[in-house]
């Protein structure tokens, strides 16, 4: 089971994201909970971005959580939450 770390910028984005999308707050919490128990849980749709160290997982069909694995590989460091459109930023 991986540890979950949240960058300070992520927690700020999360507050902003859930303020705009109140109904998504529980979905984010549930996605992080499932990930901490089983990173390969099917509904998370984990995806490594091509040529990157970045990974994404689904909150729902249009929103994602972005993270990188720690150098030790035992922790996922979450740094972005938001729209599926963020893929363009990551590339």
N, C-alpha and C. Protein backbone atom coordinates (compact mmCIF):
# COMPACT_ATOMS: atom_id res chain seq x y z
N UNK A 1 0.84 -1.18 0.00
CA UNK A 1 0.00 0.00 0.00
C UNK A 1 0.89 1.25 0.00
N UNK A 2 0.67 2.12 -0.94
CA UNK A 2 1.50 3.33 -1.01
C UNK A 2 1.06 4.39 0.00
N UNK A 3 2.03 5.17 0.40
CA UNK A 3 1.72 6.35 1.19
C UNK A 3 1.21 7.42 0.23
N UNK A 4 0.39 8.31 0.73
CA UNK A 4 -0.10 9.42 -0.08
C UNK A 4 0.45 10.70 0.51
N UNK A 5 1.11 11.48 -0.33
CA UNK A 5 1.60 12.80 0.07
C UNK A 5 0.91 13.84 -0.80
N UNK A 6 0.57 14.94 -0.18
CA UNK A 6 -0.09 16.02 -0.90
C UNK A 6 0.80 17.25 -0.86
N UNK A 7 1.18 17.74 -2.02
CA UNK A 7 1.96 18.98 -2.05
C UNK A 7 1.07 20.12 -1.59
N UNK A 8 1.67 21.15 -0.97
CA UNK A 8 0.86 22.31 -0.53
C UNK A 8 0.04 22.91 -1.67
N UNK A 9 0.62 22.96 -2.86
CA UNK A 9 -0.13 23.51 -4.01
C UNK A 9 -1.34 22.63 -4.32
N UNK A 10 -1.22 21.33 -4.11
CA UNK A 10 -2.35 20.42 -4.34
C UNK A 10 -3.48 20.71 -3.37
N UNK A 11 -3.17 20.91 -2.10
CA UNK A 11 -4.23 21.16 -1.13
C UNK A 11 -4.95 22.48 -1.43
N UNK A 12 -4.21 23.48 -1.91
CA UNK A 12 -4.85 24.74 -2.31
C UNK A 12 -5.76 24.51 -3.52
N UNK A 13 -5.26 23.78 -4.50
CA UNK A 13 -6.08 23.49 -5.68
C UNK A 13 -7.31 22.67 -5.31
N UNK A 14 -7.13 21.73 -4.40
CA UNK A 14 -8.24 20.88 -3.99
C UNK A 14 -9.35 21.71 -3.34
N UNK A 15 -8.97 22.65 -2.47
CA UNK A 15 -9.97 23.53 -1.86
C UNK A 15 -10.72 24.31 -2.93
N UNK A 16 -9.97 24.86 -3.87
CA UNK A 16 -10.57 25.64 -4.96
C UNK A 16 -11.47 24.74 -5.83
N UNK A 17 -10.97 23.57 -6.16
CA UNK A 17 -11.71 22.63 -7.01
C UNK A 17 -13.02 22.20 -6.34
N UNK A 18 -12.96 21.84 -5.07
CA UNK A 18 -14.17 21.37 -4.39
C UNK A 18 -15.13 22.51 -4.06
N UNK A 19 -14.61 23.73 -3.98
CA UNK A 19 -15.50 24.87 -3.78
C UNK A 19 -16.36 25.08 -5.03
N UNK A 20 -15.74 24.90 -6.20
CA UNK A 20 -16.47 25.04 -7.47
C UNK A 20 -17.30 23.81 -7.77
N UNK A 21 -16.86 22.67 -7.26
CA UNK A 21 -17.50 21.39 -7.57
C UNK A 21 -17.81 20.65 -6.27
N UNK A 22 -18.73 21.18 -5.50
CA UNK A 22 -19.03 20.63 -4.18
C UNK A 22 -19.34 19.14 -4.25
N UNK A 23 -20.02 18.74 -5.28
CA UNK A 23 -20.40 17.33 -5.43
C UNK A 23 -19.20 16.41 -5.68
N UNK A 24 -18.04 16.95 -5.99
CA UNK A 24 -16.85 16.14 -6.29
C UNK A 24 -16.00 15.86 -5.05
N UNK A 25 -16.26 16.54 -3.95
CA UNK A 25 -15.42 16.39 -2.75
C UNK A 25 -15.36 14.93 -2.29
N UNK A 26 -16.50 14.29 -2.19
CA UNK A 26 -16.52 12.89 -1.75
C UNK A 26 -15.87 11.98 -2.78
N UNK A 27 -16.02 12.30 -4.05
CA UNK A 27 -15.41 11.49 -5.11
C UNK A 27 -13.89 11.54 -5.02
N UNK A 28 -13.34 12.71 -4.72
CA UNK A 28 -11.89 12.85 -4.56
C UNK A 28 -11.42 12.03 -3.36
N UNK A 29 -12.11 12.17 -2.25
CA UNK A 29 -11.75 11.42 -1.04
C UNK A 29 -11.81 9.91 -1.29
N UNK A 30 -12.84 9.48 -1.98
CA UNK A 30 -13.00 8.06 -2.27
C UNK A 30 -11.91 7.56 -3.21
N UNK A 31 -11.55 8.35 -4.21
CA UNK A 31 -10.48 7.95 -5.13
C UNK A 31 -9.15 7.81 -4.38
N UNK A 32 -8.85 8.76 -3.51
CA UNK A 32 -7.60 8.68 -2.73
C UNK A 32 -7.63 7.49 -1.77
N UNK A 33 -8.78 7.22 -1.18
CA UNK A 33 -8.90 6.08 -0.28
C UNK A 33 -8.67 4.77 -1.03
N UNK A 34 -9.34 4.64 -2.17
CA UNK A 34 -9.18 3.41 -2.97
C UNK A 34 -7.73 3.24 -3.41
N UNK A 35 -7.12 4.34 -3.84
CA UNK A 35 -5.73 4.29 -4.29
C UNK A 35 -4.82 3.82 -3.16
N UNK A 36 -5.05 4.33 -1.96
CA UNK A 36 -4.19 3.95 -0.82
C UNK A 36 -4.33 2.47 -0.48
N UNK A 37 -5.49 1.90 -0.74
CA UNK A 37 -5.72 0.47 -0.47
C UNK A 37 -5.27 -0.42 -1.62
N UNK A 38 -5.49 0.05 -2.85
CA UNK A 38 -5.16 -0.75 -4.03
C UNK A 38 -4.97 0.17 -5.23
N UNK A 39 -3.71 0.55 -5.52
CA UNK A 39 -3.47 1.46 -6.65
C UNK A 39 -3.96 0.93 -8.00
N UNK A 40 -4.15 -0.37 -8.09
CA UNK A 40 -4.61 -0.96 -9.34
C UNK A 40 -6.13 -1.14 -9.40
N UNK A 41 -6.84 -0.51 -8.48
CA UNK A 41 -8.30 -0.62 -8.45
C UNK A 41 -8.84 -0.18 -9.82
N UNK A 42 -9.65 -1.00 -10.47
CA UNK A 42 -10.06 -0.74 -11.86
C UNK A 42 -10.69 0.62 -12.13
N UNK A 43 -11.54 1.11 -11.26
CA UNK A 43 -12.24 2.37 -11.56
C UNK A 43 -11.32 3.59 -11.52
N UNK A 44 -10.12 3.44 -10.99
CA UNK A 44 -9.19 4.57 -10.94
C UNK A 44 -8.56 4.86 -12.30
N UNK A 45 -8.50 3.85 -13.14
CA UNK A 45 -7.94 4.01 -14.49
C UNK A 45 -6.57 4.69 -14.44
N UNK A 46 -5.67 4.14 -13.66
CA UNK A 46 -4.32 4.69 -13.56
C UNK A 46 -3.68 4.73 -14.94
N UNK A 47 -3.04 5.84 -15.26
CA UNK A 47 -2.42 6.00 -16.56
C UNK A 47 -1.11 6.75 -16.42
N UNK A 48 -0.04 6.16 -16.94
CA UNK A 48 1.26 6.84 -16.97
C UNK A 48 1.28 7.70 -18.22
N UNK A 49 1.65 8.95 -18.05
CA UNK A 49 1.72 9.83 -19.21
C UNK A 49 2.97 9.50 -20.01
N UNK A 50 2.83 9.38 -21.28
CA UNK A 50 3.90 8.97 -22.18
C UNK A 50 5.14 9.84 -22.03
N UNK A 51 6.28 9.19 -21.80
CA UNK A 51 7.54 9.91 -21.71
C UNK A 51 7.68 10.78 -20.47
N UNK A 52 6.82 10.61 -19.51
CA UNK A 52 6.82 11.43 -18.31
C UNK A 52 6.96 10.55 -17.07
N UNK A 53 7.26 11.18 -15.95
CA UNK A 53 7.22 10.49 -14.67
C UNK A 53 5.84 10.65 -14.03
N UNK A 54 4.98 11.39 -14.71
CA UNK A 54 3.67 11.70 -14.16
C UNK A 54 2.66 10.59 -14.45
N UNK A 55 1.75 10.47 -13.50
CA UNK A 55 0.64 9.53 -13.61
C UNK A 55 -0.66 10.29 -13.35
N UNK A 56 -1.75 9.72 -13.84
CA UNK A 56 -3.07 10.28 -13.53
C UNK A 56 -3.99 9.16 -13.06
N UNK A 57 -5.01 9.57 -12.34
CA UNK A 57 -6.09 8.65 -12.01
C UNK A 57 -7.39 9.43 -12.06
N UNK A 58 -8.46 8.72 -12.30
CA UNK A 58 -9.76 9.35 -12.50
C UNK A 58 -10.46 9.65 -11.18
N UNK A 59 -11.07 10.83 -11.16
CA UNK A 59 -12.06 11.15 -10.13
C UNK A 59 -13.42 10.76 -10.71
N UNK A 60 -13.61 11.18 -11.97
CA UNK A 60 -14.81 10.84 -12.74
C UNK A 60 -14.43 10.96 -14.20
N UNK A 61 -15.38 10.95 -15.09
CA UNK A 61 -15.06 10.94 -16.52
C UNK A 61 -14.35 12.19 -17.02
N UNK A 62 -14.47 13.29 -16.31
CA UNK A 62 -13.86 14.53 -16.81
C UNK A 62 -12.83 15.15 -15.87
N UNK A 63 -12.55 14.56 -14.73
CA UNK A 63 -11.60 15.14 -13.78
C UNK A 63 -10.56 14.12 -13.34
N UNK A 64 -9.34 14.62 -13.11
CA UNK A 64 -8.22 13.75 -12.80
C UNK A 64 -7.42 14.26 -11.61
N UNK A 65 -6.70 13.32 -11.01
CA UNK A 65 -5.69 13.61 -10.00
C UNK A 65 -4.35 13.27 -10.65
N UNK A 66 -3.39 14.18 -10.57
CA UNK A 66 -2.07 13.96 -11.14
C UNK A 66 -1.08 13.74 -10.00
N UNK A 67 -0.14 12.80 -10.21
CA UNK A 67 0.85 12.51 -9.18
C UNK A 67 2.13 11.97 -9.80
N UNK A 68 3.17 11.95 -9.00
CA UNK A 68 4.44 11.29 -9.33
C UNK A 68 4.76 10.33 -8.19
N UNK A 69 5.50 9.29 -8.49
CA UNK A 69 5.96 8.38 -7.45
C UNK A 69 7.22 8.94 -6.82
N UNK A 70 7.39 8.76 -5.54
CA UNK A 70 8.61 9.19 -4.86
C UNK A 70 9.78 8.38 -5.41
N UNK A 71 10.99 8.88 -5.20
CA UNK A 71 12.18 8.17 -5.68
C UNK A 71 12.26 6.76 -5.10
N UNK A 72 11.79 6.61 -3.88
CA UNK A 72 11.80 5.29 -3.24
C UNK A 72 10.69 4.39 -3.77
N UNK A 73 9.69 4.98 -4.42
CA UNK A 73 8.59 4.23 -4.98
C UNK A 73 7.53 3.81 -3.99
N UNK A 74 7.63 4.32 -2.76
CA UNK A 74 6.66 3.91 -1.73
C UNK A 74 5.58 4.95 -1.48
N UNK A 75 5.68 6.10 -2.14
CA UNK A 75 4.71 7.17 -1.91
C UNK A 75 4.30 7.81 -3.24
N UNK A 76 3.04 8.12 -3.33
CA UNK A 76 2.51 8.87 -4.46
C UNK A 76 2.37 10.32 -4.00
N UNK A 77 2.97 11.22 -4.75
CA UNK A 77 2.96 12.64 -4.40
C UNK A 77 2.00 13.35 -5.35
N UNK A 78 0.86 13.73 -4.83
CA UNK A 78 -0.18 14.37 -5.64
C UNK A 78 0.10 15.86 -5.76
N UNK A 79 0.01 16.36 -7.00
CA UNK A 79 0.35 17.77 -7.22
C UNK A 79 -0.71 18.55 -8.00
N UNK A 80 -1.70 17.87 -8.58
CA UNK A 80 -2.70 18.61 -9.35
C UNK A 80 -4.04 17.88 -9.31
N UNK A 81 -5.10 18.63 -9.20
CA UNK A 81 -6.45 18.10 -9.31
C UNK A 81 -7.22 19.01 -10.24
N UNK A 82 -7.94 18.42 -11.18
CA UNK A 82 -8.72 19.26 -12.06
C UNK A 82 -9.20 18.53 -13.30
N UNK A 83 -9.55 19.32 -14.26
CA UNK A 83 -10.16 18.86 -15.49
C UNK A 83 -9.24 17.95 -16.30
N UNK A 84 -9.86 17.09 -17.06
CA UNK A 84 -9.17 16.22 -18.01
C UNK A 84 -8.32 17.06 -18.96
N UNK A 85 -8.71 18.31 -19.21
CA UNK A 85 -7.97 19.20 -20.11
C UNK A 85 -6.55 19.46 -19.63
N UNK A 86 -6.25 19.16 -18.39
CA UNK A 86 -4.91 19.39 -17.85
C UNK A 86 -3.87 18.52 -18.53
N UNK A 87 -4.27 17.50 -19.25
CA UNK A 87 -3.32 16.68 -19.99
C UNK A 87 -2.48 17.55 -20.91
N UNK A 88 -3.09 18.57 -21.49
CA UNK A 88 -2.35 19.46 -22.38
C UNK A 88 -1.25 20.20 -21.64
N UNK A 89 -1.51 20.56 -20.39
CA UNK A 89 -0.51 21.26 -19.57
C UNK A 89 0.65 20.32 -19.28
N UNK A 90 0.34 19.07 -19.02
CA UNK A 90 1.36 18.10 -18.62
C UNK A 90 2.30 17.73 -19.74
N UNK A 91 1.88 17.88 -20.97
CA UNK A 91 2.71 17.44 -22.10
C UNK A 91 3.70 18.47 -22.54
